[in-house]
Amino acid sequence: MPNLNMPGSGVLEQVSQALVRCFSSSTRSHLENRVAEKQKLFQANNDLPVHLKGGGMDNVLYRLTMTLTLGGTAYCLYCLGWASFPHKK
C-alpha cells in the first residue's frame, strides 16, 4: 500500500478534488433537439439510399470508402497472384 503522507500528495489530492468538483457541478450546455428534422431528412422519399441522405459529406465518405475497398481488393489479388507463381532465385 503506498504511503499517502508523502510530500506533495496533498497538492495532488486538492487538484483532483477541484477537477471532480468542476466537472460534476458545472452546468451543461443546452443543445436543441433536432431529432424531428433528422427524421424528416432520412424518411424523405427522394430515391437515395439511407447512407447518402446526410448530404455531401456522406457522398465523399462513401466514395472514399469504395475507392479504398476496391483498391485493397485489387492489391490483395495482385499479391495472391504474385505469391502463386515461382520466383527466380
N, C-alpha and C. Protein backbone atom coordinates (compact mmCIF):
# COMPACT_ATOMS: atom_id res chain seq x y z
N MET A 1 0.85 -1.17 0.00
CA MET A 1 0.00 0.00 0.00
C MET A 1 0.90 1.24 0.00
N PRO A 2 0.67 2.19 -0.90
CA PRO A 2 1.54 3.36 -0.97
C PRO A 2 1.34 4.27 0.23
N ASN A 3 2.41 4.97 0.56
CA ASN A 3 2.37 5.91 1.66
C ASN A 3 1.77 7.21 1.16
N LEU A 4 0.61 7.59 1.67
CA LEU A 4 -0.07 8.79 1.21
C LEU A 4 0.39 10.04 1.96
N ASN A 5 1.32 9.87 2.88
CA ASN A 5 1.84 11.02 3.63
C ASN A 5 3.11 11.57 2.99
N MET A 6 3.31 11.30 1.73
CA MET A 6 4.49 11.80 1.03
C MET A 6 4.33 13.31 0.82
N PRO A 7 5.46 14.03 0.71
CA PRO A 7 5.36 15.45 0.40
C PRO A 7 4.77 15.65 -0.99
N GLY A 8 3.84 16.55 -1.11
CA GLY A 8 3.22 16.85 -2.39
C GLY A 8 1.96 16.06 -2.67
N SER A 9 1.66 15.04 -1.85
CA SER A 9 0.45 14.25 -2.11
C SER A 9 -0.80 15.05 -1.79
N GLY A 10 -0.70 16.03 -0.89
CA GLY A 10 -1.85 16.87 -0.59
C GLY A 10 -2.23 17.76 -1.76
N VAL A 11 -1.22 18.22 -2.50
CA VAL A 11 -1.47 19.06 -3.67
C VAL A 11 -2.21 18.25 -4.73
N LEU A 12 -1.75 17.03 -4.93
CA LEU A 12 -2.40 16.16 -5.92
C LEU A 12 -3.85 15.89 -5.54
N GLU A 13 -4.08 15.66 -4.27
CA GLU A 13 -5.44 15.40 -3.80
C GLU A 13 -6.32 16.63 -3.98
N GLN A 14 -5.79 17.82 -3.70
CA GLN A 14 -6.57 19.04 -3.86
C GLN A 14 -6.91 19.29 -5.33
N VAL A 15 -5.94 19.05 -6.20
CA VAL A 15 -6.18 19.26 -7.63
C VAL A 15 -7.23 18.28 -8.13
N SER A 16 -7.12 17.01 -7.72
CA SER A 16 -8.09 16.03 -8.21
C SER A 16 -9.49 16.33 -7.68
N GLN A 17 -9.60 16.80 -6.43
CA GLN A 17 -10.92 17.18 -5.90
C GLN A 17 -11.48 18.39 -6.65
N ALA A 18 -10.62 19.33 -6.99
CA ALA A 18 -11.07 20.51 -7.71
C ALA A 18 -11.57 20.13 -9.10
N LEU A 19 -10.87 19.19 -9.77
CA LEU A 19 -11.30 18.77 -11.10
C LEU A 19 -12.63 18.03 -11.04
N VAL A 20 -12.79 17.16 -10.06
CA VAL A 20 -14.04 16.43 -9.91
C VAL A 20 -15.17 17.40 -9.62
N ARG A 21 -14.94 18.35 -8.75
CA ARG A 21 -15.96 19.33 -8.41
C ARG A 21 -16.31 20.18 -9.64
N CYS A 22 -15.29 20.53 -10.42
CA CYS A 22 -15.50 21.37 -11.59
C CYS A 22 -16.35 20.65 -12.64
N PHE A 23 -16.05 19.36 -12.89
CA PHE A 23 -16.78 18.64 -13.91
C PHE A 23 -18.17 18.23 -13.45
N SER A 24 -18.34 17.94 -12.18
CA SER A 24 -19.63 17.44 -11.74
C SER A 24 -20.64 18.54 -11.47
N SER A 25 -20.18 19.74 -11.13
CA SER A 25 -21.14 20.77 -10.77
C SER A 25 -21.31 21.84 -11.85
N SER A 26 -20.56 21.74 -12.93
CA SER A 26 -20.70 22.74 -13.97
C SER A 26 -21.99 22.51 -14.74
N THR A 27 -22.57 23.57 -15.25
CA THR A 27 -23.82 23.44 -15.98
C THR A 27 -23.54 22.90 -17.37
N ARG A 28 -24.46 22.14 -17.87
CA ARG A 28 -24.32 21.56 -19.19
C ARG A 28 -24.78 22.56 -20.24
N SER A 29 -24.11 22.53 -21.37
CA SER A 29 -24.53 23.42 -22.44
C SER A 29 -25.83 22.88 -23.04
N HIS A 30 -26.70 23.78 -23.36
CA HIS A 30 -28.01 23.40 -23.87
C HIS A 30 -27.92 23.09 -25.35
N LEU A 31 -28.35 21.90 -25.74
CA LEU A 31 -28.39 21.51 -27.13
C LEU A 31 -29.85 21.41 -27.56
N GLU A 32 -30.13 21.98 -28.70
CA GLU A 32 -31.51 21.91 -29.17
C GLU A 32 -31.80 20.52 -29.73
N ASN A 33 -33.02 20.10 -29.61
CA ASN A 33 -33.44 18.79 -30.07
C ASN A 33 -33.72 18.85 -31.57
N ARG A 34 -32.91 18.17 -32.35
CA ARG A 34 -33.05 18.19 -33.80
C ARG A 34 -33.47 16.83 -34.35
N VAL A 35 -34.06 16.01 -33.51
CA VAL A 35 -34.45 14.67 -33.94
C VAL A 35 -35.54 14.75 -35.01
N ALA A 36 -36.51 15.63 -34.84
CA ALA A 36 -37.62 15.72 -35.79
C ALA A 36 -37.13 16.09 -37.19
N GLU A 37 -36.22 17.04 -37.28
CA GLU A 37 -35.73 17.42 -38.62
C GLU A 37 -34.87 16.32 -39.24
N LYS A 38 -34.12 15.59 -38.41
CA LYS A 38 -33.33 14.47 -38.93
C LYS A 38 -34.25 13.34 -39.41
N GLN A 39 -35.37 13.12 -38.69
CA GLN A 39 -36.32 12.11 -39.12
C GLN A 39 -36.93 12.48 -40.47
N LYS A 40 -37.28 13.75 -40.64
CA LYS A 40 -37.83 14.19 -41.93
C LYS A 40 -36.80 14.00 -43.04
N LEU A 41 -35.55 14.32 -42.76
CA LEU A 41 -34.49 14.18 -43.76
C LEU A 41 -34.30 12.74 -44.19
N PHE A 42 -34.25 11.82 -43.23
CA PHE A 42 -33.96 10.44 -43.55
C PHE A 42 -35.18 9.66 -44.02
N GLN A 43 -36.40 10.15 -43.74
CA GLN A 43 -37.60 9.46 -44.18
C GLN A 43 -38.15 10.04 -45.48
N ALA A 44 -37.51 11.06 -46.03
CA ALA A 44 -37.97 11.66 -47.28
C ALA A 44 -37.82 10.65 -48.42
N ASN A 45 -38.80 10.63 -49.30
CA ASN A 45 -38.78 9.70 -50.43
C ASN A 45 -38.10 10.39 -51.60
N ASN A 46 -36.78 10.36 -51.64
CA ASN A 46 -36.03 11.01 -52.71
C ASN A 46 -35.14 10.02 -53.47
N ASP A 47 -35.44 8.73 -53.39
CA ASP A 47 -34.74 7.67 -54.12
C ASP A 47 -33.24 7.62 -53.84
N LEU A 48 -32.82 8.08 -52.69
CA LEU A 48 -31.42 7.96 -52.27
C LEU A 48 -31.31 6.87 -51.22
N PRO A 49 -30.22 6.10 -51.25
CA PRO A 49 -30.01 5.14 -50.15
C PRO A 49 -29.79 5.89 -48.84
N VAL A 50 -30.11 5.25 -47.76
CA VAL A 50 -30.08 5.92 -46.46
C VAL A 50 -28.67 6.40 -46.10
N HIS A 51 -27.65 5.71 -46.59
CA HIS A 51 -26.28 6.11 -46.24
C HIS A 51 -25.81 7.33 -47.02
N LEU A 52 -26.62 7.82 -47.96
CA LEU A 52 -26.25 9.03 -48.72
C LEU A 52 -27.20 10.19 -48.45
N LYS A 53 -28.18 10.02 -47.59
CA LYS A 53 -29.17 11.07 -47.34
C LYS A 53 -28.65 12.19 -46.46
N GLY A 54 -27.51 12.03 -45.85
CA GLY A 54 -26.98 13.05 -44.95
C GLY A 54 -26.42 14.27 -45.65
N GLY A 55 -26.12 14.17 -46.93
CA GLY A 55 -25.61 15.32 -47.66
C GLY A 55 -24.31 15.02 -48.38
N GLY A 56 -23.60 16.08 -48.70
CA GLY A 56 -22.38 15.96 -49.50
C GLY A 56 -21.26 15.21 -48.81
N MET A 57 -21.13 15.40 -47.51
CA MET A 57 -20.05 14.71 -46.79
C MET A 57 -20.27 13.20 -46.79
N ASP A 58 -21.53 12.76 -46.73
CA ASP A 58 -21.82 11.33 -46.83
C ASP A 58 -21.38 10.78 -48.17
N ASN A 59 -21.60 11.56 -49.22
CA ASN A 59 -21.20 11.14 -50.56
C ASN A 59 -19.68 11.02 -50.65
N VAL A 60 -18.96 11.97 -50.08
CA VAL A 60 -17.49 11.93 -50.10
C VAL A 60 -16.99 10.71 -49.32
N LEU A 61 -17.56 10.47 -48.14
CA LEU A 61 -17.14 9.31 -47.34
C LEU A 61 -17.46 8.00 -48.04
N TYR A 62 -18.61 7.94 -48.71
CA TYR A 62 -18.98 6.73 -49.44
C TYR A 62 -18.00 6.46 -50.57
N ARG A 63 -17.68 7.49 -51.35
CA ARG A 63 -16.75 7.31 -52.47
C ARG A 63 -15.34 6.96 -51.98
N LEU A 64 -14.90 7.58 -50.89
CA LEU A 64 -13.60 7.25 -50.33
C LEU A 64 -13.56 5.80 -49.84
N THR A 65 -14.62 5.39 -49.17
CA THR A 65 -14.69 4.01 -48.67
C THR A 65 -14.68 3.01 -49.82
N MET A 66 -15.45 3.29 -50.87
CA MET A 66 -15.49 2.37 -52.01
C MET A 66 -14.14 2.33 -52.73
N THR A 67 -13.48 3.49 -52.86
CA THR A 67 -12.18 3.53 -53.51
C THR A 67 -11.15 2.72 -52.73
N LEU A 68 -11.12 2.91 -51.41
CA LEU A 68 -10.17 2.16 -50.59
C LEU A 68 -10.48 0.66 -50.61
N THR A 69 -11.76 0.30 -50.62
CA THR A 69 -12.14 -1.11 -50.65
C THR A 69 -11.73 -1.76 -51.96
N LEU A 70 -12.03 -1.09 -53.07
CA LEU A 70 -11.67 -1.66 -54.37
C LEU A 70 -10.16 -1.68 -54.56
N GLY A 71 -9.47 -0.66 -54.11
CA GLY A 71 -8.02 -0.64 -54.20
C GLY A 71 -7.39 -1.74 -53.36
N GLY A 72 -7.90 -1.95 -52.16
CA GLY A 72 -7.39 -3.02 -51.31
C GLY A 72 -7.65 -4.38 -51.88
N THR A 73 -8.83 -4.57 -52.49
CA THR A 73 -9.15 -5.85 -53.11
C THR A 73 -8.22 -6.12 -54.29
N ALA A 74 -8.00 -5.09 -55.11
CA ALA A 74 -7.09 -5.25 -56.26
C ALA A 74 -5.67 -5.57 -55.79
N TYR A 75 -5.21 -4.89 -54.76
CA TYR A 75 -3.87 -5.15 -54.24
C TYR A 75 -3.77 -6.57 -53.65
N CYS A 76 -4.82 -7.00 -52.99
CA CYS A 76 -4.84 -8.36 -52.42
C CYS A 76 -4.77 -9.41 -53.53
N LEU A 77 -5.53 -9.21 -54.60
CA LEU A 77 -5.49 -10.15 -55.71
C LEU A 77 -4.13 -10.14 -56.40
N TYR A 78 -3.52 -8.95 -56.52
CA TYR A 78 -2.18 -8.85 -57.09
C TYR A 78 -1.18 -9.64 -56.24
N CYS A 79 -1.23 -9.46 -54.94
CA CYS A 79 -0.30 -10.17 -54.04
C CYS A 79 -0.52 -11.67 -54.09
N LEU A 80 -1.78 -12.11 -54.17
CA LEU A 80 -2.05 -13.54 -54.30
C LEU A 80 -1.50 -14.09 -55.60
N GLY A 81 -1.68 -13.35 -56.69
CA GLY A 81 -1.13 -13.78 -57.98
C GLY A 81 0.38 -13.82 -57.97
N TRP A 82 0.99 -12.84 -57.37
CA TRP A 82 2.46 -12.79 -57.28
C TRP A 82 3.00 -13.95 -56.46
N ALA A 83 2.30 -14.26 -55.36
CA ALA A 83 2.78 -15.32 -54.48
C ALA A 83 2.51 -16.72 -55.05
N SER A 84 1.60 -16.83 -56.01
CA SER A 84 1.25 -18.16 -56.51
C SER A 84 2.20 -18.66 -57.58
N PHE A 85 3.01 -17.79 -58.14
CA PHE A 85 3.95 -18.21 -59.17
C PHE A 85 5.35 -18.32 -58.58
N PRO A 86 6.14 -19.28 -59.11
CA PRO A 86 7.51 -19.44 -58.57
C PRO A 86 8.39 -18.23 -58.93
N HIS A 87 9.32 -17.95 -58.07
CA HIS A 87 10.22 -16.81 -58.26
C HIS A 87 11.59 -17.31 -58.69
N LYS A 88 12.28 -16.51 -59.46
CA LYS A 88 13.64 -16.85 -59.86
C LYS A 88 14.58 -16.64 -58.69
N LYS A 89 15.52 -17.56 -58.55
CA LYS A 89 16.47 -17.43 -57.44
C LYS A 89 17.78 -16.91 -57.91
